Amino acid sequence: DIYMSKEIHFQRKSEVLKRFRFSKSTLANRINEGTFLPNCSMGLRSVVWISHELDAMAAAIASGKSNDEIKQLVSSLVKQRQELS
């Protein structure tokens, strides 16, 4: 299980935007389309992403995965998050 084998590190929105070279609107659109990971809430005004999930996203994008394949990856990663609780 990816969560049990790794220490969890977080990245803030500004770091995600810089890493993936997205504008805020592009990030929001991709999340809504299911082609990018949704964030995790850390409180009323703070959201983060999980670093190793972002690594998986970057690898999928770099290897030329289709939007459908990326949607499957996003779905799988979100499911793993939900299984933690």
N, C-alpha and C. Protein backbone atom coordinates (compact mmCIF):
# COMPACT_ATOMS: atom_id res chain seq x y z
N ASP A 1 0.85 -1.19 0.00
CA ASP A 1 0.00 0.00 0.00
C ASP A 1 0.88 1.24 0.00
N ILE A 2 0.62 2.15 -0.89
CA ILE A 2 1.47 3.33 -1.08
C ILE A 2 1.54 4.20 0.17
N TYR A 3 0.46 4.26 0.96
CA TYR A 3 0.46 5.12 2.14
C TYR A 3 1.20 4.49 3.31
N MET A 4 1.19 3.21 3.40
CA MET A 4 1.85 2.55 4.52
C MET A 4 3.36 2.47 4.32
N SER A 5 3.81 2.54 3.09
CA SER A 5 5.23 2.38 2.81
C SER A 5 5.98 3.71 2.76
N LYS A 6 5.28 4.83 2.85
CA LYS A 6 5.92 6.14 2.71
C LYS A 6 5.46 7.08 3.81
N GLU A 7 6.36 7.95 4.20
CA GLU A 7 6.00 9.05 5.06
C GLU A 7 5.22 10.05 4.21
N ILE A 8 4.17 10.61 4.75
CA ILE A 8 3.34 11.52 3.97
C ILE A 8 3.85 12.95 4.12
N HIS A 9 4.13 13.57 2.97
CA HIS A 9 4.55 14.97 2.91
C HIS A 9 3.51 15.74 2.10
N PHE A 10 3.34 16.99 2.45
CA PHE A 10 2.33 17.82 1.79
C PHE A 10 2.96 18.94 1.01
N GLN A 11 2.24 19.39 -0.03
CA GLN A 11 2.64 20.57 -0.79
C GLN A 11 1.46 21.52 -0.86
N ARG A 12 1.76 22.79 -0.68
CA ARG A 12 0.73 23.83 -0.74
C ARG A 12 0.38 24.14 -2.20
N LYS A 13 -0.72 24.83 -2.37
CA LYS A 13 -1.22 25.16 -3.70
C LYS A 13 -0.18 25.91 -4.53
N SER A 14 0.51 26.86 -3.91
CA SER A 14 1.51 27.63 -4.66
C SER A 14 2.62 26.74 -5.20
N GLU A 15 2.99 25.72 -4.44
CA GLU A 15 4.02 24.78 -4.89
C GLU A 15 3.52 23.91 -6.04
N VAL A 16 2.26 23.50 -5.96
CA VAL A 16 1.65 22.68 -7.01
C VAL A 16 1.56 23.48 -8.31
N LEU A 17 1.11 24.73 -8.21
CA LEU A 17 0.99 25.59 -9.39
C LEU A 17 2.36 25.79 -10.05
N LYS A 18 3.37 25.99 -9.24
CA LYS A 18 4.73 26.19 -9.77
C LYS A 18 5.27 24.90 -10.39
N ARG A 19 5.08 23.77 -9.71
CA ARG A 19 5.62 22.50 -10.20
C ARG A 19 5.01 22.09 -11.54
N PHE A 20 3.68 22.26 -11.67
CA PHE A 20 3.00 21.80 -12.87
C PHE A 20 2.78 22.92 -13.89
N ARG A 21 3.21 24.13 -13.57
CA ARG A 21 3.09 25.27 -14.47
C ARG A 21 1.64 25.52 -14.87
N PHE A 22 0.73 25.39 -13.91
CA PHE A 22 -0.69 25.64 -14.13
C PHE A 22 -1.06 27.00 -13.57
N SER A 23 -2.05 27.62 -14.19
CA SER A 23 -2.69 28.78 -13.57
C SER A 23 -3.71 28.22 -12.56
N LYS A 24 -4.21 29.09 -11.70
CA LYS A 24 -5.23 28.66 -10.74
C LYS A 24 -6.46 28.11 -11.45
N SER A 25 -6.87 28.77 -12.54
CA SER A 25 -8.06 28.32 -13.26
C SER A 25 -7.82 26.98 -13.96
N THR A 26 -6.63 26.77 -14.51
CA THR A 26 -6.33 25.49 -15.15
C THR A 26 -6.34 24.37 -14.12
N LEU A 27 -5.77 24.63 -12.95
CA LEU A 27 -5.78 23.62 -11.88
C LEU A 27 -7.22 23.28 -11.50
N ALA A 28 -8.04 24.30 -11.30
CA ALA A 28 -9.45 24.06 -10.94
C ALA A 28 -10.17 23.28 -12.03
N ASN A 29 -9.95 23.65 -13.29
CA ASN A 29 -10.59 22.93 -14.40
C ASN A 29 -10.17 21.48 -14.45
N ARG A 30 -8.89 21.23 -14.26
CA ARG A 30 -8.41 19.84 -14.32
C ARG A 30 -8.96 19.01 -13.16
N ILE A 31 -9.05 19.60 -11.99
CA ILE A 31 -9.64 18.89 -10.85
C ILE A 31 -11.10 18.56 -11.17
N ASN A 32 -11.85 19.54 -11.69
CA ASN A 32 -13.26 19.32 -12.04
C ASN A 32 -13.44 18.27 -13.12
N GLU A 33 -12.49 18.18 -14.06
CA GLU A 33 -12.54 17.17 -15.14
C GLU A 33 -12.12 15.78 -14.65
N GLY A 34 -11.47 15.73 -13.49
CA GLY A 34 -10.96 14.46 -12.99
C GLY A 34 -9.59 14.11 -13.53
N THR A 35 -8.91 15.10 -14.16
CA THR A 35 -7.58 14.84 -14.71
C THR A 35 -6.46 15.39 -13.82
N PHE A 36 -6.82 15.78 -12.60
CA PHE A 36 -5.82 16.17 -11.61
C PHE A 36 -6.38 15.87 -10.24
N LEU A 37 -5.48 15.60 -9.33
CA LEU A 37 -5.86 15.21 -7.97
C LEU A 37 -6.60 16.32 -7.23
N PRO A 38 -7.66 15.98 -6.52
CA PRO A 38 -8.27 16.98 -5.65
C PRO A 38 -7.36 17.24 -4.44
N ASN A 39 -7.55 18.39 -3.83
CA ASN A 39 -6.73 18.72 -2.67
C ASN A 39 -7.27 18.06 -1.41
N CYS A 40 -6.52 18.21 -0.35
CA CYS A 40 -6.91 17.77 0.99
C CYS A 40 -7.06 19.03 1.84
N SER A 41 -8.13 19.12 2.58
CA SER A 41 -8.34 20.27 3.44
C SER A 41 -7.55 20.10 4.72
N MET A 42 -6.84 21.16 5.09
CA MET A 42 -6.08 21.16 6.34
C MET A 42 -6.69 22.15 7.34
N GLY A 43 -7.86 22.64 7.05
CA GLY A 43 -8.51 23.61 7.91
C GLY A 43 -9.41 24.50 7.08
N LEU A 44 -9.89 25.56 7.68
CA LEU A 44 -10.85 26.43 7.01
C LEU A 44 -10.30 27.07 5.75
N ARG A 45 -9.04 27.48 5.77
CA ARG A 45 -8.48 28.22 4.63
C ARG A 45 -7.18 27.63 4.10
N SER A 46 -6.95 26.37 4.37
CA SER A 46 -5.69 25.76 3.96
C SER A 46 -5.93 24.44 3.25
N VAL A 47 -5.38 24.32 2.04
CA VAL A 47 -5.47 23.06 1.30
C VAL A 47 -4.05 22.63 0.90
N VAL A 48 -3.88 21.33 0.79
CA VAL A 48 -2.58 20.76 0.41
C VAL A 48 -2.81 19.58 -0.52
N TRP A 49 -1.74 19.15 -1.14
CA TRP A 49 -1.72 17.92 -1.93
C TRP A 49 -0.66 17.01 -1.34
N ILE A 50 -0.79 15.71 -1.55
CA ILE A 50 0.14 14.73 -1.02
C ILE A 50 1.26 14.54 -2.05
N SER A 51 2.48 14.71 -1.58
CA SER A 51 3.65 14.74 -2.47
C SER A 51 3.79 13.51 -3.35
N HIS A 52 3.67 12.31 -2.76
CA HIS A 52 3.88 11.12 -3.60
C HIS A 52 2.76 10.92 -4.62
N GLU A 53 1.57 11.46 -4.35
CA GLU A 53 0.52 11.44 -5.36
C GLU A 53 0.88 12.38 -6.51
N LEU A 54 1.44 13.52 -6.18
CA LEU A 54 1.88 14.46 -7.21
C LEU A 54 3.01 13.86 -8.05
N ASP A 55 3.89 13.09 -7.41
CA ASP A 55 4.95 12.40 -8.15
C ASP A 55 4.35 11.44 -9.18
N ALA A 56 3.30 10.72 -8.77
CA ALA A 56 2.63 9.78 -9.68
C ALA A 56 1.97 10.54 -10.83
N MET A 57 1.37 11.69 -10.53
CA MET A 57 0.76 12.52 -11.58
C MET A 57 1.82 13.01 -12.56
N ALA A 58 2.92 13.50 -12.04
CA ALA A 58 3.99 14.01 -12.90
C ALA A 58 4.52 12.90 -13.81
N ALA A 59 4.69 11.72 -13.27
CA ALA A 59 5.18 10.58 -14.07
C ALA A 59 4.19 10.22 -15.16
N ALA A 60 2.90 10.24 -14.84
CA ALA A 60 1.87 9.91 -15.83
C ALA A 60 1.85 10.94 -16.95
N ILE A 61 1.95 12.21 -16.59
CA ILE A 61 1.96 13.27 -17.60
C ILE A 61 3.22 13.17 -18.46
N ALA A 62 4.37 12.97 -17.81
CA ALA A 62 5.64 12.90 -18.54
C ALA A 62 5.71 11.71 -19.48
N SER A 63 5.04 10.62 -19.10
CA SER A 63 5.09 9.42 -19.94
C SER A 63 4.03 9.43 -21.04
N GLY A 64 3.26 10.52 -21.11
CA GLY A 64 2.31 10.67 -22.20
C GLY A 64 1.00 9.91 -22.01
N LYS A 65 0.62 9.64 -20.78
CA LYS A 65 -0.65 8.95 -20.54
C LYS A 65 -1.80 9.78 -21.08
N SER A 66 -2.82 9.10 -21.55
CA SER A 66 -4.02 9.77 -22.07
C SER A 66 -4.83 10.35 -20.91
N ASN A 67 -5.76 11.23 -21.23
CA ASN A 67 -6.64 11.78 -20.19
C ASN A 67 -7.42 10.69 -19.49
N ASP A 68 -7.86 9.68 -20.22
CA ASP A 68 -8.59 8.56 -19.60
C ASP A 68 -7.70 7.80 -18.63
N GLU A 69 -6.45 7.57 -19.00
CA GLU A 69 -5.51 6.88 -18.11
C GLU A 69 -5.21 7.73 -16.87
N ILE A 70 -5.10 9.03 -17.05
CA ILE A 70 -4.85 9.92 -15.92
C ILE A 70 -6.07 9.95 -15.00
N LYS A 71 -7.27 9.95 -15.56
CA LYS A 71 -8.48 9.90 -14.75
C LYS A 71 -8.51 8.62 -13.91
N GLN A 72 -8.09 7.51 -14.49
CA GLN A 72 -8.03 6.25 -13.74
C GLN A 72 -7.02 6.34 -12.60
N LEU A 73 -5.88 6.96 -12.86
CA LEU A 73 -4.87 7.15 -11.82
C LEU A 73 -5.42 8.01 -10.69
N VAL A 74 -6.05 9.12 -11.03
CA VAL A 74 -6.64 10.01 -10.02
C VAL A 74 -7.66 9.25 -9.19
N SER A 75 -8.52 8.51 -9.85
CA SER A 75 -9.55 7.73 -9.14
C SER A 75 -8.92 6.73 -8.18
N SER A 76 -7.89 6.06 -8.64
CA SER A 76 -7.21 5.08 -7.81
C SER A 76 -6.55 5.72 -6.58
N LEU A 77 -5.90 6.85 -6.79
CA LEU A 77 -5.23 7.53 -5.68
C LEU A 77 -6.25 8.07 -4.66
N VAL A 78 -7.37 8.60 -5.14
CA VAL A 78 -8.42 9.09 -4.23
C VAL A 78 -9.01 7.93 -3.45
N LYS A 79 -9.21 6.81 -4.09
CA LYS A 79 -9.73 5.62 -3.41
C LYS A 79 -8.79 5.18 -2.30
N GLN A 80 -7.48 5.20 -2.57
CA GLN A 80 -6.52 4.82 -1.54
C GLN A 80 -6.57 5.76 -0.35
N ARG A 81 -6.78 7.05 -0.59
CA ARG A 81 -6.93 8.02 0.49
C ARG A 81 -8.11 7.64 1.38
N GLN A 82 -9.22 7.32 0.74
CA GLN A 82 -10.45 7.02 1.47
C GLN A 82 -10.32 5.75 2.30
N GLU A 83 -9.50 4.82 1.85
CA GLU A 83 -9.33 3.57 2.57
C GLU A 83 -8.49 3.74 3.83
N LEU A 84 -7.84 4.89 3.98
CA LEU A 84 -7.05 5.16 5.17
C LEU A 84 -7.89 5.32 6.42
N SER A 85 -9.08 5.89 6.25
CA SER A 85 -9.88 6.23 7.43
C SER A 85 -10.64 5.06 8.00
